């Protein structure tokens, strides 16, 4: 499931016109990596919610910006499967 989420996020970012040619699982979503703005993070969260049936609250958006791609994919996959979320308070 984590790999499915990871690939979905990469495809979504590509469609949002982000350069994902050098993105790896260790790439940060926020300023240190992809530098997603809050609006882009919100857009990505909505796409993930719609596709995988999970929900994010507004407080989590700031935390999401500090995650790597793999950490985010693991957190989403954990919610989908009902496991405890990794890297989420």
PDB file of N, CA and C in Angstrom:
ATOM      1  N   UNK A   1       0.829  -1.199   0.000  1.00  0.00           N
ATOM      2  CA  UNK A   1       0.000   0.000   0.000  1.00  0.00           C
ATOM      3  C   UNK A   1       0.872   1.261   0.000  1.00  0.00           C
ATOM      4  N   UNK A   2       1.968   1.233   0.763  1.00  0.00           N
ATOM      5  CA  UNK A   2       2.815   2.422   0.843  1.00  0.00           C
ATOM      6  C   UNK A   2       3.363   2.788  -0.539  1.00  0.00           C
ATOM      7  N   UNK A   3       3.775   1.804  -1.315  1.00  0.00           N
ATOM      8  CA  UNK A   3       4.306   2.077  -2.659  1.00  0.00           C
ATOM      9  C   UNK A   3       3.221   2.648  -3.568  1.00  0.00           C
ATOM     10  N   UNK A   4       2.002   2.156  -3.417  1.00  0.00           N
ATOM     11  CA  UNK A   4       0.875   2.679  -4.207  1.00  0.00           C
ATOM     12  C   UNK A   4       0.636   4.157  -3.880  1.00  0.00           C
ATOM     13  N   UNK A   5       0.655   4.493  -2.594  1.00  0.00           N
ATOM     14  CA  UNK A   5       0.471   5.880  -2.158  1.00  0.00           C
ATOM     15  C   UNK A   5       1.624   6.739  -2.678  1.00  0.00           C
ATOM     16  N   UNK A   6       2.829   6.236  -2.548  1.00  0.00           N
ATOM     17  CA  UNK A   6       4.022   6.973  -2.988  1.00  0.00           C
ATOM     18  C   UNK A   6       3.920   7.311  -4.480  1.00  0.00           C
ATOM     19  N   UNK A   7       3.556   6.327  -5.292  1.00  0.00           N
ATOM     20  CA  UNK A   7       3.441   6.554  -6.729  1.00  0.00           C
ATOM     21  C   UNK A   7       2.304   7.524  -7.048  1.00  0.00           C
ATOM     22  N   UNK A   8       1.212   7.414  -6.306  1.00  0.00           N
ATOM     23  CA  UNK A   8       0.094   8.335  -6.492  1.00  0.00           C
ATOM     24  C   UNK A   8       0.539   9.777  -6.228  1.00  0.00           C
ATOM     25  N   UNK A   9       1.289   9.976  -5.136  1.00  0.00           N
ATOM     26  CA  UNK A   9       1.749  11.319  -4.774  1.00  0.00           C
ATOM     27  C   UNK A   9       2.677  11.870  -5.859  1.00  0.00           C
ATOM     28  N   UNK A  10       3.588  11.065  -6.344  1.00  0.00           N
ATOM     29  CA  UNK A  10       4.495  11.515  -7.406  1.00  0.00           C
ATOM     30  C   UNK A  10       3.705  11.909  -8.650  1.00  0.00           C
ATOM     31  N   UNK A  11       2.745  11.087  -9.037  1.00  0.00           N
ATOM     32  CA  UNK A  11       1.923  11.406 -10.207  1.00  0.00           C
ATOM     33  C   UNK A  11       1.108  12.678  -9.987  1.00  0.00           C
ATOM     34  N   UNK A  12       0.556  12.841  -8.797  1.00  0.00           N
ATOM     35  CA  UNK A  12      -0.232  14.038  -8.485  1.00  0.00           C
ATOM     36  C   UNK A  12       0.645  15.286  -8.550  1.00  0.00           C
ATOM     37  N   UNK A  13       1.858  15.194  -8.009  1.00  0.00           N
ATOM     38  CA  UNK A  13       2.771  16.337  -8.040  1.00  0.00           C
ATOM     39  C   UNK A  13       3.169  16.676  -9.476  1.00  0.00           C
ATOM     40  N   UNK A  14       3.373  15.657 -10.281  1.00  0.00           N
ATOM     41  CA  UNK A  14       3.703  15.881 -11.696  1.00  0.00           C
ATOM     42  C   UNK A  14       2.560  16.633 -12.379  1.00  0.00           C
ATOM     43  N   UNK A  15       1.319  16.215 -12.108  1.00  0.00           N
ATOM     44  CA  UNK A  15       0.149  16.875 -12.693  1.00  0.00           C
ATOM     45  C   UNK A  15      -0.006  18.310 -12.184  1.00  0.00           C
ATOM     46  N   UNK A  16       0.555  18.583 -10.996  1.00  0.00           N
ATOM     47  CA  UNK A  16       0.509  19.934 -10.429  1.00  0.00           C
ATOM     48  C   UNK A  16       1.707  20.763 -10.910  1.00  0.00           C
ATOM     49  N   UNK A  17       2.422  20.240 -11.901  1.00  0.00           N
ATOM     50  CA  UNK A  17       3.569  20.906 -12.535  1.00  0.00           C
ATOM     51  C   UNK A  17       4.801  21.044 -11.646  1.00  0.00           C
ATOM     52  N   UNK A  18       4.976  20.109 -10.720  1.00  0.00           N
ATOM     53  CA  UNK A  18       6.213  20.063  -9.942  1.00  0.00           C
ATOM     54  C   UNK A  18       7.197  19.152 -10.660  1.00  0.00           C
ATOM     55  N   UNK A  19       8.480  19.512 -10.614  1.00  0.00           N
ATOM     56  CA  UNK A  19       9.527  18.683 -11.205  1.00  0.00           C
ATOM     57  C   UNK A  19       9.814  17.536 -10.246  1.00  0.00           C
ATOM     58  N   UNK A  20       9.429  16.344 -10.641  1.00  0.00           N
ATOM     59  CA  UNK A  20       9.615  15.171  -9.784  1.00  0.00           C
ATOM     60  C   UNK A  20      10.715  14.251 -10.321  1.00  0.00           C
ATOM     61  N   UNK A  21      11.502  14.755 -11.278  1.00  0.00           N
ATOM     62  CA  UNK A  21      12.523  13.923 -11.922  1.00  0.00           C
ATOM     63  C   UNK A  21      13.585  13.411 -10.944  1.00  0.00           C
ATOM     64  N   UNK A  22      13.844  14.161  -9.885  1.00  0.00           N
ATOM     65  CA  UNK A  22      14.869  13.741  -8.922  1.00  0.00           C
ATOM     66  C   UNK A  22      14.288  13.432  -7.546  1.00  0.00           C
ATOM     67  N   UNK A  23      12.992  13.254  -7.468  1.00  0.00           N
ATOM     68  CA  UNK A  23      12.338  12.966  -6.191  1.00  0.00           C
ATOM     69  C   UNK A  23      12.612  11.522  -5.784  1.00  0.00           C
ATOM     70  N   UNK A  24      12.985  11.352  -4.519  1.00  0.00           N
ATOM     71  CA  UNK A  24      13.161  10.018  -3.948  1.00  0.00           C
ATOM     72  C   UNK A  24      12.302   9.934  -2.691  1.00  0.00           C
ATOM     73  N   UNK A  25      12.302   8.787  -2.064  1.00  0.00           N
ATOM     74  CA  UNK A  25      11.554   8.617  -0.826  1.00  0.00           C
ATOM     75  C   UNK A  25      12.045   9.515   0.288  1.00  0.00           C
ATOM     76  N   UNK A  26      13.305   9.958   0.195  1.00  0.00           N
ATOM     77  CA  UNK A  26      13.901  10.818   1.224  1.00  0.00           C
ATOM     78  C   UNK A  26      13.696  12.306   0.951  1.00  0.00           C
ATOM     79  N   UNK A  27      13.016  12.634  -0.140  1.00  0.00           N
ATOM     80  CA  UNK A  27      12.779  14.035  -0.475  1.00  0.00           C
ATOM     81  C   UNK A  27      11.727  14.625   0.450  1.00  0.00           C
ATOM     82  N   UNK A  28      12.054  15.755   1.067  1.00  0.00           N
ATOM     83  CA  UNK A  28      11.096  16.453   1.923  1.00  0.00           C
ATOM     84  C   UNK A  28       9.995  17.075   1.074  1.00  0.00           C
ATOM     85  N   UNK A  29       8.787  17.089   1.615  1.00  0.00           N
ATOM     86  CA  UNK A  29       7.679  17.734   0.919  1.00  0.00           C
ATOM     87  C   UNK A  29       7.744  19.247   1.070  1.00  0.00           C
ATOM     88  N   UNK A  30       8.335  19.712   2.157  1.00  0.00           N
ATOM     89  CA  UNK A  30       8.367  21.135   2.465  1.00  0.00           C
ATOM     90  C   UNK A  30       9.583  21.851   1.918  1.00  0.00           C
ATOM     91  N   UNK A  31       9.989  22.945   2.594  1.00  0.00           N
ATOM     92  CA  UNK A  31      11.033  23.845   2.100  1.00  0.00           C
ATOM     93  C   UNK A  31      12.374  23.188   1.792  1.00  0.00           C
ATOM     94  N   UNK A  32      12.729  22.147   2.501  1.00  0.00           N
ATOM     95  CA  UNK A  32      14.036  21.520   2.286  1.00  0.00           C
ATOM     96  C   UNK A  32      14.061  20.618   1.047  1.00  0.00           C
ATOM     97  N   UNK A  33      12.904  20.408   0.431  1.00  0.00           N
ATOM     98  CA  UNK A  33      12.855  19.500  -0.712  1.00  0.00           C
ATOM     99  C   UNK A  33      12.021  20.050  -1.844  1.00  0.00           C
ATOM    100  N   UNK A  34      10.795  19.542  -1.959  1.00  0.00           N
ATOM    101  CA  UNK A  34       9.904  19.968  -3.039  1.00  0.00           C
ATOM    102  C   UNK A  34       9.376  21.382  -2.851  1.00  0.00           C
ATOM    103  N   UNK A  35       9.431  21.875  -1.629  1.00  0.00           N
ATOM    104  CA  UNK A  35       8.984  23.227  -1.305  1.00  0.00           C
ATOM    105  C   UNK A  35       7.516  23.454  -1.672  1.00  0.00           C
ATOM    106  N   UNK A  36       6.674  22.480  -1.297  1.00  0.00           N
ATOM    107  CA  UNK A  36       5.243  22.617  -1.563  1.00  0.00           C
ATOM    108  C   UNK A  36       4.671  23.743  -0.715  1.00  0.00           C
ATOM    109  N   UNK A  37       3.946  24.627  -1.319  1.00  0.00           N
ATOM    110  CA  UNK A  37       3.270  25.695  -0.595  1.00  0.00           C
ATOM    111  C   UNK A  37       2.029  25.124   0.075  1.00  0.00           C
ATOM    112  N   UNK A  38       1.471  25.875   1.006  1.00  0.00           N
ATOM    113  CA  UNK A  38       0.317  25.375   1.756  1.00  0.00           C
ATOM    114  C   UNK A  38      -0.848  25.027   0.842  1.00  0.00           C
ATOM    115  N   UNK A  39      -1.055  25.806  -0.203  1.00  0.00           N
ATOM    116  CA  UNK A  39      -2.138  25.513  -1.136  1.00  0.00           C
ATOM    117  C   UNK A  39      -1.879  24.205  -1.877  1.00  0.00           C
ATOM    118  N   UNK A  40      -0.637  23.968  -2.267  1.00  0.00           N
ATOM    119  CA  UNK A  40      -0.286  22.721  -2.947  1.00  0.00           C
ATOM    120  C   UNK A  40      -0.439  21.532  -2.003  1.00  0.00           C
ATOM    121  N   UNK A  41      -0.038  21.703  -0.739  1.00  0.00           N
ATOM    122  CA  UNK A  41      -0.208  20.633   0.250  1.00  0.00           C
ATOM    123  C   UNK A  41      -1.691  20.323   0.455  1.00  0.00           C
ATOM    124  N   UNK A  42      -2.508  21.365   0.518  1.00  0.00           N
ATOM    125  CA  UNK A  42      -3.948  21.174   0.686  1.00  0.00           C
ATOM    126  C   UNK A  42      -4.529  20.442  -0.518  1.00  0.00           C
ATOM    127  N   UNK A  43      -4.113  20.833  -1.720  1.00  0.00           N
ATOM    128  CA  UNK A  43      -4.573  20.174  -2.939  1.00  0.00           C
ATOM    129  C   UNK A  43      -4.175  18.701  -2.929  1.00  0.00           C
ATOM    130  N   UNK A  44      -2.929  18.434  -2.582  1.00  0.00           N
ATOM    131  CA  UNK A  44      -2.442  17.056  -2.508  1.00  0.00           C
ATOM    132  C   UNK A  44      -3.229  16.261  -1.464  1.00  0.00           C
ATOM    133  N   UNK A  45      -3.478  16.863  -0.301  1.00  0.00           N
ATOM    134  CA  UNK A  45      -4.229  16.183   0.753  1.00  0.00           C
ATOM    135  C   UNK A  45      -5.637  15.821   0.283  1.00  0.00           C
ATOM    136  N   UNK A  46      -6.288  16.732  -0.425  1.00  0.00           N
ATOM    137  CA  UNK A  46      -7.642  16.461  -0.929  1.00  0.00           C
ATOM    138  C   UNK A  46      -7.615  15.308  -1.926  1.00  0.00           C
ATOM    139  N   UNK A  47      -6.622  15.298  -2.807  1.00  0.00           N
ATOM    140  CA  UNK A  47      -6.515  14.206  -3.778  1.00  0.00           C
ATOM    141  C   UNK A  47      -6.291  12.863  -3.075  1.00  0.00           C
ATOM    142  N   UNK A  48      -5.426  12.872  -2.059  1.00  0.00           N
ATOM    143  CA  UNK A  48      -5.157  11.645  -1.303  1.00  0.00           C
ATOM    144  C   UNK A  48      -6.413  11.206  -0.551  1.00  0.00           C
ATOM    145  N   UNK A  49      -7.110  12.170   0.057  1.00  0.00           N
ATOM    146  CA  UNK A  49      -8.351  11.851   0.780  1.00  0.00           C
ATOM    147  C   UNK A  49      -9.374  11.212  -0.159  1.00  0.00           C
ATOM    148  N   UNK A  50      -9.552  11.813  -1.330  1.00  0.00           N
ATOM    149  CA  UNK A  50     -10.540  11.312  -2.285  1.00  0.00           C
ATOM    150  C   UNK A  50     -10.177   9.930  -2.820  1.00  0.00           C
ATOM    151  N   UNK A  51      -8.906   9.707  -3.041  1.00  0.00           N
ATOM    152  CA  UNK A  51      -8.462   8.450  -3.636  1.00  0.00           C
ATOM    153  C   UNK A  51      -8.398   7.313  -2.625  1.00  0.00           C
ATOM    154  N   UNK A  52      -7.900   7.608  -1.423  1.00  0.00           N
ATOM    155  CA  UNK A  52      -7.645   6.551  -0.444  1.00  0.00           C
ATOM    156  C   UNK A  52      -8.638   6.531   0.716  1.00  0.00           C
ATOM    157  N   UNK A  53      -9.563   7.489   0.754  1.00  0.00           N
ATOM    158  CA  UNK A  53     -10.599   7.479   1.780  1.00  0.00           C
ATOM    159  C   UNK A  53     -10.097   7.790   3.178  1.00  0.00           C
ATOM    160  N   UNK A  54      -9.052   8.600   3.278  1.00  0.00           N
ATOM    161  CA  UNK A  54      -8.532   9.024   4.581  1.00  0.00           C
ATOM    162  C   UNK A  54      -8.797  10.513   4.750  1.00  0.00           C
ATOM    163  N   UNK A  55      -8.678  10.989   5.961  1.00  0.00           N
ATOM    164  CA  UNK A  55      -8.931  12.406   6.241  1.00  0.00           C
ATOM    165  C   UNK A  55      -7.732  13.025   6.951  1.00  0.00           C
ATOM    166  N   UNK A  56      -7.471  14.287   6.620  1.00  0.00           N
ATOM    167  CA  UNK A  56      -6.455  15.092   7.293  1.00  0.00           C
ATOM    168  C   UNK A  56      -7.154  16.285   7.901  1.00  0.00           C
ATOM    169  N   UNK A  57      -6.755  16.677   9.118  1.00  0.00           N
ATOM    170  CA  UNK A  57      -7.303  17.920   9.641  1.00  0.00           C
ATOM    171  C   UNK A  57      -6.291  19.037   9.387  1.00  0.00           C
ATOM    172  N   UNK A  58      -6.725  20.264   9.550  1.00  0.00           N
ATOM    173  CA  UNK A  58      -5.886  21.411   9.204  1.00  0.00           C
ATOM    174  C   UNK A  58      -4.574  21.443   9.975  1.00  0.00           C
ATOM    175  N   UNK A  59      -4.585  20.999  11.213  1.00  0.00           N
ATOM    176  CA  UNK A  59      -3.382  21.009  12.035  1.00  0.00           C
ATOM    177  C   UNK A  59      -2.291  20.099  11.464  1.00  0.00           C
ATOM    178  N   UNK A  60      -2.702  19.098  10.715  1.00  0.00           N
ATOM    179  CA  UNK A  60      -1.733  18.139  10.180  1.00  0.00           C
ATOM    180  C   UNK A  60      -0.967  18.667   8.971  1.00  0.00           C
ATOM    181  N   UNK A  61      -1.464  19.692   8.328  1.00  0.00           N
ATOM    182  CA  UNK A  61      -0.803  20.210   7.134  1.00  0.00           C
ATOM    183  C   UNK A  61       0.611  20.716   7.442  1.00  0.00           C
ATOM    184  N   UNK A  62       0.781  21.370   8.582  1.00  0.00           N
ATOM    185  CA  UNK A  62       2.106  21.852   8.963  1.00  0.00           C
ATOM    186  C   UNK A  62       3.052  20.680   9.195  1.00  0.00           C
ATOM    187  N   UNK A  63       2.573  19.635   9.843  1.00  0.00           N
ATOM    188  CA  UNK A  63       3.377  18.443  10.083  1.00  0.00           C
ATOM    189  C   UNK A  63       3.724  17.758   8.773  1.00  0.00           C
ATOM    190  N   UNK A  64       2.776  17.717   7.848  1.00  0.00           N
ATOM    191  CA  UNK A  64       2.998  17.074   6.561  1.00  0.00           C
ATOM    192  C   UNK A  64       4.146  17.736   5.808  1.00  0.00           C
ATOM    193  N   UNK A  65       4.259  19.044   5.888  1.00  0.00           N
ATOM    194  CA  UNK A  65       5.320  19.764   5.189  1.00  0.00           C
ATOM    195  C   UNK A  65       6.707  19.369   5.686  1.00  0.00           C
ATOM    196  N   UNK A  66       6.789  18.829   6.895  1.00  0.00           N
ATOM    197  CA  UNK A  66       8.074  18.423   7.460  1.00  0.00           C
ATOM    198  C   UNK A  66       8.412  16.967   7.150  1.00  0.00           C
ATOM    199  N   UNK A  67       7.499  16.256   6.505  1.00  0.00           N
ATOM    200  CA  UNK A  67       7.703  14.838   6.213  1.00  0.00           C
ATOM    201  C   UNK A  67       8.440  14.645   4.890  1.00  0.00           C
ATOM    202  N   UNK A  68       9.106  13.491   4.798  1.00  0.00           N
ATOM    203  CA  UNK A  68       9.633  13.074   3.504  1.00  0.00           C
ATOM    204  C   UNK A  68       8.501  12.385   2.745  1.00  0.00           C
ATOM    205  N   UNK A  69       8.733  12.145   1.475  1.00  0.00           N
ATOM    206  CA  UNK A  69       7.735  11.445   0.670  1.00  0.00           C
ATOM    207  C   UNK A  69       7.400  10.093   1.281  1.00  0.00           C
ATOM    208  N   UNK A  70       8.427   9.332   1.685  1.00  0.00           N
ATOM    209  CA  UNK A  70       8.176   8.008   2.264  1.00  0.00           C
ATOM    210  C   UNK A  70       7.445   8.088   3.599  1.00  0.00           C
ATOM    211  N   UNK A  71       7.758   9.085   4.416  1.00  0.00           N
ATOM    212  CA  UNK A  71       7.054   9.237   5.698  1.00  0.00           C
ATOM    213  C   UNK A  71       5.575   9.544   5.459  1.00  0.00           C
ATOM    214  N   UNK A  72       5.307  10.410   4.498  1.00  0.00           N
ATOM    215  CA  UNK A  72       3.924  10.745   4.169  1.00  0.00           C
ATOM    216  C   UNK A  72       3.189   9.520   3.626  1.00  0.00           C
ATOM    217  N   UNK A  73       3.834   8.795   2.714  1.00  0.00           N
ATOM    218  CA  UNK A  73       3.218   7.593   2.146  1.00  0.00           C
ATOM    219  C   UNK A  73       2.934   6.561   3.229  1.00  0.00           C
ATOM    220  N   UNK A  74       3.859   6.416   4.177  1.00  0.00           N
ATOM    221  CA  UNK A  74       3.658   5.467   5.279  1.00  0.00           C
ATOM    222  C   UNK A  74       2.502   5.902   6.171  1.00  0.00           C
ATOM    223  N   UNK A  75       2.396   7.204   6.428  1.00  0.00           N
ATOM    224  CA  UNK A  75       1.310   7.716   7.272  1.00  0.00           C
ATOM    225  C   UNK A  75      -0.040   7.474   6.599  1.00  0.00           C
ATOM    226  N   UNK A  76      -0.125   7.733   5.304  1.00  0.00           N
ATOM    227  CA  UNK A  76      -1.376   7.507   4.572  1.00  0.00           C
ATOM    228  C   UNK A  76      -1.690   6.017   4.527  1.00  0.00           C
ATOM    229  N   UNK A  77      -0.709   5.203   4.203  1.00  0.00           N
ATOM    230  CA  UNK A  77      -0.916   3.751   4.137  1.00  0.00           C
ATOM    231  C   UNK A  77      -1.374   3.213   5.485  1.00  0.00           C
ATOM    232  N   UNK A  78      -0.810   3.751   6.572  1.00  0.00           N
ATOM    233  CA  UNK A  78      -1.213   3.334   7.912  1.00  0.00           C
ATOM    234  C   UNK A  78      -2.662   3.656   8.189  1.00  0.00           C
ATOM    235  N   UNK A  79      -3.114   4.800   7.724  1.00  0.00           N
ATOM    236  CA  UNK A  79      -4.521   5.175   7.916  1.00  0.00           C
ATOM    237  C   UNK A  79      -5.442   4.291   7.086  1.00  0.00           C
ATOM    238  N   UNK A  80      -5.009   3.960   5.891  1.00  0.00           N
ATOM    239  CA  UNK A  80      -5.829   3.130   5.009  1.00  0.00           C
ATOM    240  C   UNK A  80      -6.001   1.742   5.615  1.00  0.00           C
ATOM    241  N   UNK A  81      -4.919   1.199   6.160  1.00  0.00           N
ATOM    242  CA  UNK A  81      -4.973  -0.149   6.716  1.00  0.00           C
ATOM    243  C   UNK A  81      -5.388  -0.179   8.175  1.00  0.00           C
ATOM    244  N   UNK A  82      -5.508   1.006   8.784  1.00  0.00           N
ATOM    245  CA  UNK A  82      -5.928   1.069  10.187  1.00  0.00           C
ATOM    246  C   UNK A  82      -4.811   0.927  11.185  1.00  0.00           C
ATOM    247  N   UNK A  83      -3.557   0.891  10.696  1.00  0.00           N
ATOM    248  CA  UNK A  83      -2.394   0.796  11.582  1.00  0.00           C
ATOM    249  C   UNK A  83      -2.106   2.189  12.148  1.00  0.00           C
ATOM    250  N   UNK A  84      -1.378   2.255  13.261  1.00  0.00           N
ATOM    251  CA  UNK A  84      -1.008   3.562  13.809  1.00  0.00           C
ATOM    252  C   UNK A  84      -0.172   4.338  12.794  1.00  0.00           C
ATOM    253  N   UNK A  85      -0.418   5.613  12.685  1.00  0.00           N
ATOM    254  CA  UNK A  85       0.307   6.454  11.728  1.00  0.00           C
ATOM    255  C   UNK A  85       1.745   6.640  12.193  1.00  0.00           C
ATOM    256  N   UNK A  86       2.665   6.562  11.260  1.00  0.00           N
ATOM    257  CA  UNK A  86       4.082   6.743  11.556  1.00  0.00           C
ATOM    258  C   UNK A  86       4.420   8.215  11.400  1.00  0.00           C
ATOM    259  N   UNK A  87       5.143   8.771  12.343  1.00  0.00           N
ATOM    260  CA  UNK A  87       5.596  10.145  12.243  1.00  0.00           C
ATOM    261  C   UNK A  87       4.490  11.173  12.466  1.00  0.00           C
ATOM    262  N   UNK A  88       3.375  10.754  12.980  1.00  0.00           N
ATOM    263  CA  UNK A  88       2.259  11.674  13.222  1.00  0.00           C
ATOM    264  C   UNK A  88       1.931  11.690  14.700  1.00  0.00           C
ATOM    265  N   UNK A  89       1.747  12.857  15.244  1.00  0.00           N
ATOM    266  CA  UNK A  89       1.393  12.963  16.662  1.00  0.00           C
ATOM    267  C   UNK A  89      -0.106  12.932  16.823  1.00  0.00           C
TER     268      UNK A  89
END
